[in-house]
Protein backbone atom coordinates (compact mmCIF):
# COMPACT_ATOMS: atom_id res chain seq x y z
CA SER A 1 -4.35 -3.14 -82.19
CA PHE A 2 -2.98 -0.25 -83.78
CA LYS A 3 -4.56 1.40 -86.57
CA SER A 4 -2.51 4.19 -88.93
CA GLU A 5 -3.92 7.48 -88.53
CA MET A 6 -3.92 7.54 -92.29
CA GLY A 7 -7.04 5.37 -93.45
CA LYS A 8 -7.66 3.89 -97.13
CA ILE A 9 -10.81 4.16 -99.05
CA SER A 10 -11.39 1.72 -102.23
CA VAL A 11 -14.22 2.34 -104.25
CA LYS A 12 -15.22 -0.44 -107.22
CA ILE A 13 -17.58 0.58 -109.96
CA GLU A 14 -19.47 -2.36 -111.75
CA LYS A 15 -21.62 -2.69 -114.41
CA LYS A 16 -23.57 -5.93 -114.53
CA GLU A 17 -26.84 -5.70 -115.91
CA LYS A 18 -27.88 -2.97 -118.45
CA ASN A 19 -29.26 -0.35 -116.34
CA ASN A 20 -27.61 -0.56 -113.23
CA LEU A 21 -24.17 -0.08 -111.63
CA ASN A 22 -22.44 -1.03 -108.70
CA LEU A 23 -20.46 1.08 -105.94
CA ILE A 24 -18.98 -0.89 -103.56
CA ILE A 25 -17.16 1.24 -101.00
CA LYS A 26 -14.85 -0.30 -98.39
CA ASP A 27 -12.60 1.33 -95.60
CA ASP A 28 -9.62 -0.11 -93.59
CA GLY A 29 -11.18 1.51 -90.38
CA ARG A 30 -12.57 -0.01 -86.85
CA GLY A 31 -15.76 -0.94 -88.60
CA PHE A 32 -19.27 -0.57 -86.74
CA ASN A 33 -19.85 -0.94 -83.16
CA ILE A 34 -22.53 -3.21 -83.27
CA ASN A 35 -22.90 -3.34 -79.06
CA LYS A 36 -22.88 0.55 -79.65
CA ILE A 37 -25.82 0.24 -82.71
CA LYS A 38 -27.80 -2.30 -80.73
CA SER A 39 -27.74 0.04 -77.39
CA LYS A 40 -28.94 3.39 -79.40
CA ALA A 41 -31.33 1.53 -81.39
CA ILE A 42 -33.18 -0.25 -77.97
CA GLU A 43 -33.21 3.36 -76.12
CA LYS A 44 -34.57 4.82 -79.42
CA GLY A 45 -37.53 2.40 -79.51
CA LEU A 46 -36.85 0.91 -82.66
CA ILE A 47 -36.32 -2.95 -81.79
CA SER A 48 -37.02 -4.25 -78.13
CA LYS A 49 -33.89 -6.10 -76.74
CA ASP A 50 -35.30 -9.39 -76.92
CA LYS A 51 -36.19 -8.73 -80.96
CA ALA A 52 -32.29 -7.23 -81.08
CA GLU A 53 -30.79 -9.90 -79.43
CA ASN A 54 -31.77 -12.07 -82.36
CA MET A 55 -30.36 -9.74 -85.04
CA ASP A 56 -27.25 -10.16 -87.47
CA ASP A 57 -24.67 -7.63 -87.39
CA ASP A 58 -25.60 -6.37 -90.65
CA GLN A 59 -29.54 -6.34 -89.59
CA ILE A 60 -28.70 -4.12 -86.33
CA ILE A 61 -25.99 -2.20 -88.82
CA SER A 62 -29.23 -0.92 -90.77
CA PHE A 63 -30.62 1.11 -88.11
CA ILE A 64 -27.45 3.75 -88.88
CA PHE A 65 -30.30 4.35 -91.95
CA SER A 66 -32.57 5.61 -89.70
CA PRO A 67 -34.00 9.24 -89.67
CA ASN A 68 -31.65 10.75 -86.40
CA PHE A 69 -30.28 8.01 -85.88
CA SER A 70 -26.37 8.73 -84.13
CA THR A 71 -24.21 6.92 -81.69
CA LYS A 72 -22.50 10.09 -80.55
CA GLU A 73 -23.16 11.58 -77.40
CA GLU A 74 -21.73 14.77 -78.56
CA VAL A 75 -22.92 16.82 -81.53
CA SER A 76 -20.17 18.32 -83.61
CA ASP A 77 -20.23 20.61 -87.35
CA ILE A 78 -19.53 17.14 -88.73
CA SER A 79 -21.04 14.36 -86.65
CA GLY A 80 -23.58 13.41 -84.35
CA ARG A 81 -26.59 15.06 -85.55
CA GLY A 82 -28.41 12.11 -86.61
CA VAL A 83 -28.98 12.93 -90.32
CA GLY A 84 -26.72 11.61 -93.05
CA MET A 85 -27.31 8.02 -93.88
CA ASP A 86 -31.04 8.50 -93.77
CA VAL A 87 -30.52 11.06 -96.41
CA VAL A 88 -28.62 9.37 -98.50
CA LYS A 89 -31.13 5.88 -98.35
CA THR A 90 -34.16 8.52 -98.99
CA PHE A 91 -32.40 10.13 -102.13
CA LEU A 92 -31.24 6.77 -104.05
CA ASN A 93 -34.90 5.38 -102.92
CA ASP A 94 -36.12 8.63 -104.97
CA ILE A 95 -33.97 7.81 -107.73
CA ASN A 96 -34.97 3.87 -107.57
CA SER A 97 -31.67 2.74 -105.95
CA GLU A 98 -30.79 0.98 -102.76
CA ILE A 99 -27.96 1.38 -100.57
CA SER A 100 -26.62 -1.81 -97.86
CA VAL A 101 -23.69 -1.94 -95.51
CA SER A 102 -21.79 -4.94 -93.78
CA ASN A 103 -19.04 -5.08 -90.77
CA ARG A 104 -16.08 -6.24 -92.33
CA LYS A 105 -15.20 -7.66 -88.99
CA SER A 106 -12.71 -4.93 -87.23
CA ASN A 107 -11.30 -4.65 -90.65
CA GLY A 108 -13.83 -1.53 -91.47
CA ALA A 109 -17.20 -1.21 -93.55
CA LYS A 110 -18.61 -1.70 -97.19
CA PHE A 111 -21.10 0.06 -98.18
CA PHE A 112 -22.94 -1.41 -101.51
CA ILE A 113 -24.94 1.05 -103.64
CA LYS A 114 -26.42 -0.31 -106.25
CA LEU A 115 -27.80 3.01 -108.92
CA ASN A 116 -30.59 2.62 -111.58
CA LEU A 117 -29.08 4.84 -114.64
CA ASN A 118 -33.05 4.97 -115.76
């Protein structure tokens, strides 16, 4: 299916608890290539092939938060260096906050960030 070169990102902010702020960030891209992430995680020794086969898509996607993890074969100025998402997760953990991500089945990705305001 054809995707426009122009992407859409939506950001929703919710305050459901006194000391927390939720950020929900969605895009309308291709989503994550689960097989590519799974292959890289196995190649890097993060998981065995048998265990990977029994993981759901969201569990596989969580490997993007591993240090030095990238599915890019070539490094550019903006991608493929394997730094980025692990730094985001570490920073959020340091401020007692959390991030998770899920595929939206060929309709992009969804990031959920729970910020602790204390």
